[in-house]
């Protein structure tokens, strides 16, 4: 994905969660800040965001008309109530 090193804006986020009955697909539109690193994306998702996004296993972002997917490798709730996700891109 050819995003600038730093991107701020609204993104559609498709994500999956593992449940006892198999993967559950969900989506949300949120304000994000995305920082690109080789093989990784660091995504900060701002409020309002769904409570269960913290438990996402895989994430697909639609940014500036382009889609990219990644596996959530680390997640952290921040003091401003946003969520920081580190994604290994696929």
PDB file of N, CA and C in Angstrom:
ATOM      1  N   UNK A   1       0.847  -1.173   0.000  1.00  0.00           N
ATOM      2  CA  UNK A   1       0.000   0.000   0.000  1.00  0.00           C
ATOM      3  C   UNK A   1       0.884   1.224   0.000  1.00  0.00           C
ATOM      4  N   UNK A   2       0.573   2.166  -0.848  1.00  0.00           N
ATOM      5  CA  UNK A   2       1.376   3.372  -0.966  1.00  0.00           C
ATOM      6  C   UNK A   2       0.734   4.533  -0.229  1.00  0.00           C
ATOM      7  N   UNK A   3       0.804   4.519   1.066  1.00  0.00           N
ATOM      8  CA  UNK A   3       0.317   5.626   1.880  1.00  0.00           C
ATOM      9  C   UNK A   3       1.495   6.506   2.237  1.00  0.00           C
ATOM     10  N   UNK A   4       1.236   7.778   2.529  1.00  0.00           N
ATOM     11  CA  UNK A   4       2.315   8.596   3.052  1.00  0.00           C
ATOM     12  C   UNK A   4       2.788   8.032   4.387  1.00  0.00           C
ATOM     13  N   UNK A   5       3.954   8.478   4.842  1.00  0.00           N
ATOM     14  CA  UNK A   5       4.503   7.980   6.101  1.00  0.00           C
ATOM     15  C   UNK A   5       3.533   8.202   7.253  1.00  0.00           C
ATOM     16  N   UNK A   6       2.740   9.268   7.197  1.00  0.00           N
ATOM     17  CA  UNK A   6       1.744   9.538   8.226  1.00  0.00           C
ATOM     18  C   UNK A   6       0.441   9.923   7.542  1.00  0.00           C
ATOM     19  N   UNK A   7      -0.647   9.297   7.940  1.00  0.00           N
ATOM     20  CA  UNK A   7      -1.960   9.557   7.359  1.00  0.00           C
ATOM     21  C   UNK A   7      -2.934   9.817   8.487  1.00  0.00           C
ATOM     22  N   UNK A   8      -3.733  10.864   8.370  1.00  0.00           N
ATOM     23  CA  UNK A   8      -4.788  11.162   9.331  1.00  0.00           C
ATOM     24  C   UNK A   8      -6.090  11.307   8.569  1.00  0.00           C
ATOM     25  N   UNK A   9      -7.140  10.683   9.043  1.00  0.00           N
ATOM     26  CA  UNK A   9      -8.428  10.827   8.391  1.00  0.00           C
ATOM     27  C   UNK A   9      -9.403   9.765   8.827  1.00  0.00           C
ATOM     28  N   UNK A  10     -10.505   9.695   8.102  1.00  0.00           N
ATOM     29  CA  UNK A  10     -11.548   8.725   8.402  1.00  0.00           C
ATOM     30  C   UNK A  10     -11.278   7.457   7.613  1.00  0.00           C
ATOM     31  N   UNK A  11     -11.409   6.321   8.276  1.00  0.00           N
ATOM     32  CA  UNK A  11     -11.159   5.037   7.626  1.00  0.00           C
ATOM     33  C   UNK A  11     -12.273   4.065   7.967  1.00  0.00           C
ATOM     34  N   UNK A  12     -12.581   3.212   7.016  1.00  0.00           N
ATOM     35  CA  UNK A  12     -13.463   2.079   7.304  1.00  0.00           C
ATOM     36  C   UNK A  12     -12.562   0.956   7.792  1.00  0.00           C
ATOM     37  N   UNK A  13     -12.916   0.385   8.911  1.00  0.00           N
ATOM     38  CA  UNK A  13     -12.128  -0.687   9.511  1.00  0.00           C
ATOM     39  C   UNK A  13     -12.994  -1.940   9.555  1.00  0.00           C
ATOM     40  N   UNK A  14     -12.568  -2.970   8.844  1.00  0.00           N
ATOM     41  CA  UNK A  14     -13.194  -4.290   8.931  1.00  0.00           C
ATOM     42  C   UNK A  14     -12.299  -5.125   9.830  1.00  0.00           C
ATOM     43  N   UNK A  15     -12.901  -5.819  10.792  1.00  0.00           N
ATOM     44  CA  UNK A  15     -12.082  -6.600  11.714  1.00  0.00           C
ATOM     45  C   UNK A  15     -12.783  -7.894  12.076  1.00  0.00           C
ATOM     46  N   UNK A  16     -11.999  -8.871  12.508  1.00  0.00           N
ATOM     47  CA  UNK A  16     -12.555 -10.154  12.919  1.00  0.00           C
ATOM     48  C   UNK A  16     -12.167 -10.440  14.358  1.00  0.00           C
ATOM     49  N   UNK A  17     -13.043 -11.179  15.008  1.00  0.00           N
ATOM     50  CA  UNK A  17     -12.792 -11.657  16.357  1.00  0.00           C
ATOM     51  C   UNK A  17     -13.024 -13.156  16.369  1.00  0.00           C
ATOM     52  N   UNK A  18     -12.190 -13.878  17.091  1.00  0.00           N
ATOM     53  CA  UNK A  18     -12.396 -15.310  17.254  1.00  0.00           C
ATOM     54  C   UNK A  18     -13.416 -15.536  18.358  1.00  0.00           C
ATOM     55  N   UNK A  19     -14.407 -16.377  18.074  1.00  0.00           N
ATOM     56  CA  UNK A  19     -15.423 -16.729  19.063  1.00  0.00           C
ATOM     57  C   UNK A  19     -15.520 -18.249  19.133  1.00  0.00           C
ATOM     58  N   UNK A  20     -16.312 -18.745  20.062  1.00  0.00           N
ATOM     59  CA  UNK A  20     -16.523 -20.191  20.172  1.00  0.00           C
ATOM     60  C   UNK A  20     -17.164 -20.768  18.915  1.00  0.00           C
ATOM     61  N   UNK A  21     -17.865 -19.929  18.165  1.00  0.00           N
ATOM     62  CA  UNK A  21     -18.574 -20.380  16.970  1.00  0.00           C
ATOM     63  C   UNK A  21     -17.822 -20.048  15.687  1.00  0.00           C
ATOM     64  N   UNK A  22     -16.572 -19.633  15.795  1.00  0.00           N
ATOM     65  CA  UNK A  22     -15.768 -19.276  14.637  1.00  0.00           C
ATOM     66  C   UNK A  22     -15.555 -17.777  14.553  1.00  0.00           C
ATOM     67  N   UNK A  23     -14.875 -17.313  13.505  1.00  0.00           N
ATOM     68  CA  UNK A  23     -14.598 -15.883  13.367  1.00  0.00           C
ATOM     69  C   UNK A  23     -15.886 -15.082  13.160  1.00  0.00           C
ATOM     70  N   UNK A  24     -15.931 -13.910  13.763  1.00  0.00           N
ATOM     71  CA  UNK A  24     -17.062 -13.003  13.643  1.00  0.00           C
ATOM     72  C   UNK A  24     -16.570 -11.728  12.974  1.00  0.00           C
ATOM     73  N   UNK A  25     -17.148 -11.391  11.813  1.00  0.00           N
ATOM     74  CA  UNK A  25     -16.725 -10.208  11.054  1.00  0.00           C
ATOM     75  C   UNK A  25     -17.539  -8.993  11.486  1.00  0.00           C
ATOM     76  N   UNK A  26     -16.853  -7.855  11.659  1.00  0.00           N
ATOM     77  CA  UNK A  26     -17.496  -6.596  12.040  1.00  0.00           C
ATOM     78  C   UNK A  26     -16.837  -5.461  11.270  1.00  0.00           C
ATOM     79  N   UNK A  27     -17.465  -4.272  11.300  1.00  0.00           N
ATOM     80  CA  UNK A  27     -16.841  -3.102  10.684  1.00  0.00           C
ATOM     81  C   UNK A  27     -17.282  -1.839  11.404  1.00  0.00           C
ATOM     82  N   UNK A  28     -16.475  -0.788  11.225  1.00  0.00           N
ATOM     83  CA  UNK A  28     -16.742   0.504  11.847  1.00  0.00           C
ATOM     84  C   UNK A  28     -16.032   1.573  11.026  1.00  0.00           C
ATOM     85  N   UNK A  29     -16.518   2.808  11.091  1.00  0.00           N
ATOM     86  CA  UNK A  29     -15.801   3.941  10.509  1.00  0.00           C
ATOM     87  C   UNK A  29     -15.327   4.820  11.651  1.00  0.00           C
ATOM     88  N   UNK A  30     -14.031   5.113  11.672  1.00  0.00           N
ATOM     89  CA  UNK A  30     -13.431   5.880  12.761  1.00  0.00           C
ATOM     90  C   UNK A  30     -12.370   6.828  12.214  1.00  0.00           C
ATOM     91  N   UNK A  31     -12.074   7.837  12.999  1.00  0.00           N
ATOM     92  CA  UNK A  31     -10.923   8.695  12.715  1.00  0.00           C
ATOM     93  C   UNK A  31      -9.671   7.934  13.133  1.00  0.00           C
ATOM     94  N   UNK A  32      -8.666   7.954  12.270  1.00  0.00           N
ATOM     95  CA  UNK A  32      -7.430   7.230  12.549  1.00  0.00           C
ATOM     96  C   UNK A  32      -6.216   8.086  12.212  1.00  0.00           C
ATOM     97  N   UNK A  33      -5.129   7.698  12.798  1.00  0.00           N
ATOM     98  CA  UNK A  33      -3.809   8.197  12.438  1.00  0.00           C
ATOM     99  C   UNK A  33      -2.967   6.961  12.163  1.00  0.00           C
ATOM    100  N   UNK A  34      -2.406   6.879  10.964  1.00  0.00           N
ATOM    101  CA  UNK A  34      -1.659   5.690  10.555  1.00  0.00           C
ATOM    102  C   UNK A  34      -0.222   6.084  10.271  1.00  0.00           C
ATOM    103  N   UNK A  35       0.691   5.352  10.879  1.00  0.00           N
ATOM    104  CA  UNK A  35       2.113   5.549  10.618  1.00  0.00           C
ATOM    105  C   UNK A  35       2.637   4.283   9.961  1.00  0.00           C
ATOM    106  N   UNK A  36       3.280   4.463   8.828  1.00  0.00           N
ATOM    107  CA  UNK A  36       3.772   3.329   8.047  1.00  0.00           C
ATOM    108  C   UNK A  36       5.220   3.042   8.410  1.00  0.00           C
ATOM    109  N   UNK A  37       5.511   1.760   8.587  1.00  0.00           N
ATOM    110  CA  UNK A  37       6.880   1.273   8.782  1.00  0.00           C
ATOM    111  C   UNK A  37       7.041   0.058   7.877  1.00  0.00           C
ATOM    112  N   UNK A  38       8.259  -0.273   7.479  1.00  0.00           N
ATOM    113  CA  UNK A  38       8.428  -1.431   6.589  1.00  0.00           C
ATOM    114  C   UNK A  38       7.826  -2.707   7.198  1.00  0.00           C
ATOM    115  N   UNK A  39       6.800  -3.250   6.537  1.00  0.00           N
ATOM    116  CA  UNK A  39       6.156  -4.472   6.997  1.00  0.00           C
ATOM    117  C   UNK A  39       5.154  -4.286   8.123  1.00  0.00           C
ATOM    118  N   UNK A  40       5.017  -3.064   8.625  1.00  0.00           N
ATOM    119  CA  UNK A  40       4.148  -2.792   9.771  1.00  0.00           C
ATOM    120  C   UNK A  40       3.331  -1.536   9.542  1.00  0.00           C
ATOM    121  N   UNK A  41       2.208  -1.459  10.218  1.00  0.00           N
ATOM    122  CA  UNK A  41       1.438  -0.228  10.343  1.00  0.00           C
ATOM    123  C   UNK A  41       1.173  -0.012  11.825  1.00  0.00           C
ATOM    124  N   UNK A  42       1.341   1.211  12.269  1.00  0.00           N
ATOM    125  CA  UNK A  42       0.949   1.588  13.623  1.00  0.00           C
ATOM    126  C   UNK A  42      -0.274   2.479  13.468  1.00  0.00           C
ATOM    127  N   UNK A  43      -1.399   2.028  13.994  1.00  0.00           N
ATOM    128  CA  UNK A  43      -2.675   2.699  13.799  1.00  0.00           C
ATOM    129  C   UNK A  43      -3.200   3.171  15.145  1.00  0.00           C
ATOM    130  N   UNK A  44      -3.520   4.451  15.211  1.00  0.00           N
ATOM    131  CA  UNK A  44      -4.173   5.000  16.398  1.00  0.00           C
ATOM    132  C   UNK A  44      -5.613   5.287  16.005  1.00  0.00           C
ATOM    133  N   UNK A  45      -6.554   4.641  16.688  1.00  0.00           N
ATOM    134  CA  UNK A  45      -7.981   4.784  16.406  1.00  0.00           C
ATOM    135  C   UNK A  45      -8.576   5.660  17.502  1.00  0.00           C
ATOM    136  N   UNK A  46      -9.220   6.756  17.084  1.00  0.00           N
ATOM    137  CA  UNK A  46      -9.753   7.730  18.032  1.00  0.00           C
ATOM    138  C   UNK A  46     -11.209   7.424  18.388  1.00  0.00           C
ATOM    139  N   UNK A  47     -11.651   7.973  19.512  1.00  0.00           N
ATOM    140  CA  UNK A  47     -13.039   7.862  19.965  1.00  0.00           C
ATOM    141  C   UNK A  47     -13.957   8.600  19.001  1.00  0.00           C
ATOM    142  N   UNK A  48     -15.174   8.176  18.828  1.00  0.00           N
ATOM    143  CA  UNK A  48     -15.773   6.977  19.416  1.00  0.00           C
ATOM    144  C   UNK A  48     -15.346   5.734  18.638  1.00  0.00           C
ATOM    145  N   UNK A  49     -15.077   4.678  19.358  1.00  0.00           N
ATOM    146  CA  UNK A  49     -14.708   3.414  18.734  1.00  0.00           C
ATOM    147  C   UNK A  49     -15.409   2.293  19.475  1.00  0.00           C
ATOM    148  N   UNK A  50     -15.674   1.181  18.791  1.00  0.00           N
ATOM    149  CA  UNK A  50     -16.367   0.078  19.461  1.00  0.00           C
ATOM    150  C   UNK A  50     -15.473  -0.557  20.521  1.00  0.00           C
ATOM    151  N   UNK A  51     -16.075  -0.931  21.619  1.00  0.00           N
ATOM    152  CA  UNK A  51     -15.333  -1.524  22.734  1.00  0.00           C
ATOM    153  C   UNK A  51     -14.619  -2.804  22.316  1.00  0.00           C
ATOM    154  N   UNK A  52     -15.207  -3.571  21.406  1.00  0.00           N
ATOM    155  CA  UNK A  52     -14.621  -4.858  21.039  1.00  0.00           C
ATOM    156  C   UNK A  52     -13.511  -4.765  19.994  1.00  0.00           C
ATOM    157  N   UNK A  53     -13.234  -3.586  19.471  1.00  0.00           N
ATOM    158  CA  UNK A  53     -12.124  -3.443  18.517  1.00  0.00           C
ATOM    159  C   UNK A  53     -10.802  -3.829  19.171  1.00  0.00           C
ATOM    160  N   UNK A  54     -10.707  -3.652  20.476  1.00  0.00           N
ATOM    161  CA  UNK A  54      -9.502  -4.019  21.224  1.00  0.00           C
ATOM    162  C   UNK A  54      -9.184  -5.509  21.082  1.00  0.00           C
ATOM    163  N   UNK A  55     -10.197  -6.339  20.866  1.00  0.00           N
ATOM    164  CA  UNK A  55     -10.013  -7.787  20.779  1.00  0.00           C
ATOM    165  C   UNK A  55      -9.853  -8.297  19.350  1.00  0.00           C
ATOM    166  N   UNK A  56      -9.744  -7.399  18.385  1.00  0.00           N
ATOM    167  CA  UNK A  56      -9.638  -7.805  16.981  1.00  0.00           C
ATOM    168  C   UNK A  56      -8.383  -8.638  16.740  1.00  0.00           C
ATOM    169  N   UNK A  57      -8.515  -9.629  15.875  1.00  0.00           N
ATOM    170  CA  UNK A  57      -7.388 -10.490  15.500  1.00  0.00           C
ATOM    171  C   UNK A  57      -6.768 -10.048  14.177  1.00  0.00           C
ATOM    172  N   UNK A  58      -7.617  -9.764  13.199  1.00  0.00           N
ATOM    173  CA  UNK A  58      -7.160  -9.254  11.908  1.00  0.00           C
ATOM    174  C   UNK A  58      -7.944  -7.988  11.591  1.00  0.00           C
ATOM    175  N   UNK A  59      -7.313  -7.098  10.828  1.00  0.00           N
ATOM    176  CA  UNK A  59      -7.916  -5.808  10.519  1.00  0.00           C
ATOM    177  C   UNK A  59      -7.669  -5.498   9.047  1.00  0.00           C
ATOM    178  N   UNK A  60      -8.688  -4.947   8.376  1.00  0.00           N
ATOM    179  CA  UNK A  60      -8.552  -4.437   7.015  1.00  0.00           C
ATOM    180  C   UNK A  60      -8.973  -2.975   7.053  1.00  0.00           C
ATOM    181  N   UNK A  61      -8.105  -2.097   6.540  1.00  0.00           N
ATOM    182  CA  UNK A  61      -8.390  -0.671   6.510  1.00  0.00           C
ATOM    183  C   UNK A  61      -8.647  -0.229   5.084  1.00  0.00           C
ATOM    184  N   UNK A  62      -9.624   0.644   4.919  1.00  0.00           N
ATOM    185  CA  UNK A  62      -9.833   1.330   3.651  1.00  0.00           C
ATOM    186  C   UNK A  62      -9.416   2.776   3.878  1.00  0.00           C
ATOM    187  N   UNK A  63      -8.277   3.159   3.288  1.00  0.00           N
ATOM    188  CA  UNK A  63      -7.709   4.493   3.455  1.00  0.00           C
ATOM    189  C   UNK A  63      -7.479   5.110   2.088  1.00  0.00           C
ATOM    190  N   UNK A  64      -8.030   6.292   1.873  1.00  0.00           N
ATOM    191  CA  UNK A  64      -7.878   7.000   0.603  1.00  0.00           C
ATOM    192  C   UNK A  64      -8.196   6.099  -0.588  1.00  0.00           C
ATOM    193  N   UNK A  65      -9.240   5.278  -0.449  1.00  0.00           N
ATOM    194  CA  UNK A  65      -9.665   4.414  -1.537  1.00  0.00           C
ATOM    195  C   UNK A  65      -8.841   3.158  -1.715  1.00  0.00           C
ATOM    196  N   UNK A  66      -7.877   2.919  -0.874  1.00  0.00           N
ATOM    197  CA  UNK A  66      -7.045   1.715  -0.960  1.00  0.00           C
ATOM    198  C   UNK A  66      -7.253   0.876   0.287  1.00  0.00           C
ATOM    199  N   UNK A  67      -7.101  -0.427   0.115  1.00  0.00           N
ATOM    200  CA  UNK A  67      -7.288  -1.338   1.245  1.00  0.00           C
ATOM    201  C   UNK A  67      -5.979  -2.028   1.584  1.00  0.00           C
ATOM    202  N   UNK A  68      -5.772  -2.230   2.857  1.00  0.00           N
ATOM    203  CA  UNK A  68      -4.637  -3.015   3.314  1.00  0.00           C
ATOM    204  C   UNK A  68      -5.079  -3.837   4.505  1.00  0.00           C
ATOM    205  N   UNK A  69      -4.451  -4.981   4.683  1.00  0.00           N
ATOM    206  CA  UNK A  69      -4.839  -5.856   5.787  1.00  0.00           C
ATOM    207  C   UNK A  69      -3.633  -6.168   6.646  1.00  0.00           C
ATOM    208  N   UNK A  70      -3.923  -6.542   7.878  1.00  0.00           N
ATOM    209  CA  UNK A  70      -2.848  -6.885   8.785  1.00  0.00           C
ATOM    210  C   UNK A  70      -3.338  -7.724   9.948  1.00  0.00           C
ATOM    211  N   UNK A  71      -2.393  -8.395  10.562  1.00  0.00           N
ATOM    212  CA  UNK A  71      -2.644  -9.180  11.765  1.00  0.00           C
ATOM    213  C   UNK A  71      -2.242  -8.323  12.950  1.00  0.00           C
ATOM    214  N   UNK A  72      -3.119  -8.228  13.938  1.00  0.00           N
ATOM    215  CA  UNK A  72      -2.837  -7.419  15.123  1.00  0.00           C
ATOM    216  C   UNK A  72      -1.780  -8.135  15.957  1.00  0.00           C
ATOM    217  N   UNK A  73      -0.623  -7.493  16.109  1.00  0.00           N
ATOM    218  CA  UNK A  73       0.474  -8.058  16.893  1.00  0.00           C
ATOM    219  C   UNK A  73       0.556  -7.455  18.289  1.00  0.00           C
ATOM    220  N   UNK A  74       0.086  -6.209  18.438  1.00  0.00           N
ATOM    221  CA  UNK A  74       0.085  -5.563  19.749  1.00  0.00           C
ATOM    222  C   UNK A  74      -1.041  -4.548  19.774  1.00  0.00           C
ATOM    223  N   UNK A  75      -1.597  -4.346  20.942  1.00  0.00           N
ATOM    224  CA  UNK A  75      -2.684  -3.374  21.129  1.00  0.00           C
ATOM    225  C   UNK A  75      -2.510  -2.717  22.480  1.00  0.00           C
ATOM    226  N   UNK A  76      -2.904  -1.447  22.530  1.00  0.00           N
ATOM    227  CA  UNK A  76      -2.751  -0.703  23.779  1.00  0.00           C
ATOM    228  C   UNK A  76      -3.814   0.385  23.843  1.00  0.00           C
ATOM    229  N   UNK A  77      -4.527   0.430  24.957  1.00  0.00           N
ATOM    230  CA  UNK A  77      -5.461   1.533  25.208  1.00  0.00           C
ATOM    231  C   UNK A  77      -4.650   2.699  25.749  1.00  0.00           C
ATOM    232  N   UNK A  78      -4.873   3.875  25.196  1.00  0.00           N
ATOM    233  CA  UNK A  78      -4.099   5.053  25.581  1.00  0.00           C
ATOM    234  C   UNK A  78      -4.892   5.930  26.541  1.00  0.00           C
ATOM    235  N   UNK A  79      -4.191   6.835  27.208  1.00  0.00           N
ATOM    236  CA  UNK A  79      -4.817   7.675  28.236  1.00  0.00           C
ATOM    237  C   UNK A  79      -5.908   8.588  27.674  1.00  0.00           C
ATOM    238  N   UNK A  80      -5.854   8.903  26.378  1.00  0.00           N
ATOM    239  CA  UNK A  80      -6.898   9.741  25.771  1.00  0.00           C
ATOM    240  C   UNK A  80      -8.087   8.904  25.265  1.00  0.00           C
ATOM    241  N   UNK A  81      -8.158   7.626  25.695  1.00  0.00           N
ATOM    242  CA  UNK A  81      -9.228   6.683  25.363  1.00  0.00           C
ATOM    243  C   UNK A  81      -9.190   6.222  23.909  1.00  0.00           C
ATOM    244  N   UNK A  82      -8.106   6.493  23.216  1.00  0.00           N
ATOM    245  CA  UNK A  82      -7.936   5.959  21.866  1.00  0.00           C
ATOM    246  C   UNK A  82      -7.288   4.577  21.975  1.00  0.00           C
ATOM    247  N   UNK A  83      -7.147   3.923  20.839  1.00  0.00           N
ATOM    248  CA  UNK A  83      -6.586   2.580  20.792  1.00  0.00           C
ATOM    249  C   UNK A  83      -5.429   2.562  19.806  1.00  0.00           C
ATOM    250  N   UNK A  84      -4.294   2.033  20.241  1.00  0.00           N
ATOM    251  CA  UNK A  84      -3.108   1.912  19.380  1.00  0.00           C
ATOM    252  C   UNK A  84      -2.962   0.450  18.988  1.00  0.00           C
ATOM    253  N   UNK A  85      -2.947   0.203  17.677  1.00  0.00           N
ATOM    254  CA  UNK A  85      -2.786  -1.145  17.145  1.00  0.00           C
ATOM    255  C   UNK A  85      -1.504  -1.214  16.331  1.00  0.00           C
ATOM    256  N   UNK A  86      -0.719  -2.254  16.551  1.00  0.00           N
ATOM    257  CA  UNK A  86       0.436  -2.531  15.694  1.00  0.00           C
ATOM    258  C   UNK A  86       0.060  -3.714  14.825  1.00  0.00           C
ATOM    259  N   UNK A  87       0.131  -3.506  13.505  1.00  0.00           N
ATOM    260  CA  UNK A  87      -0.287  -4.522  12.552  1.00  0.00           C
ATOM    261  C   UNK A  87       0.878  -4.981  11.698  1.00  0.00           C
ATOM    262  N   UNK A  88       1.003  -6.284  11.562  1.00  0.00           N
ATOM    263  CA  UNK A  88       1.927  -6.844  10.582  1.00  0.00           C
ATOM    264  C   UNK A  88       1.142  -6.948   9.281  1.00  0.00           C
ATOM    265  N   UNK A  89       1.577  -6.204   8.259  1.00  0.00           N
ATOM    266  CA  UNK A  89       0.815  -6.164   7.011  1.00  0.00           C
ATOM    267  C   UNK A  89       0.924  -7.480   6.262  1.00  0.00           C
ATOM    268  N   UNK A  90      -0.125  -7.763   5.480  1.00  0.00           N
ATOM    269  CA  UNK A  90      -0.179  -9.014   4.719  1.00  0.00           C
ATOM    270  C   UNK A  90      -0.197  -8.717   3.240  1.00  0.00           C
TER     271      UNK A  90
END
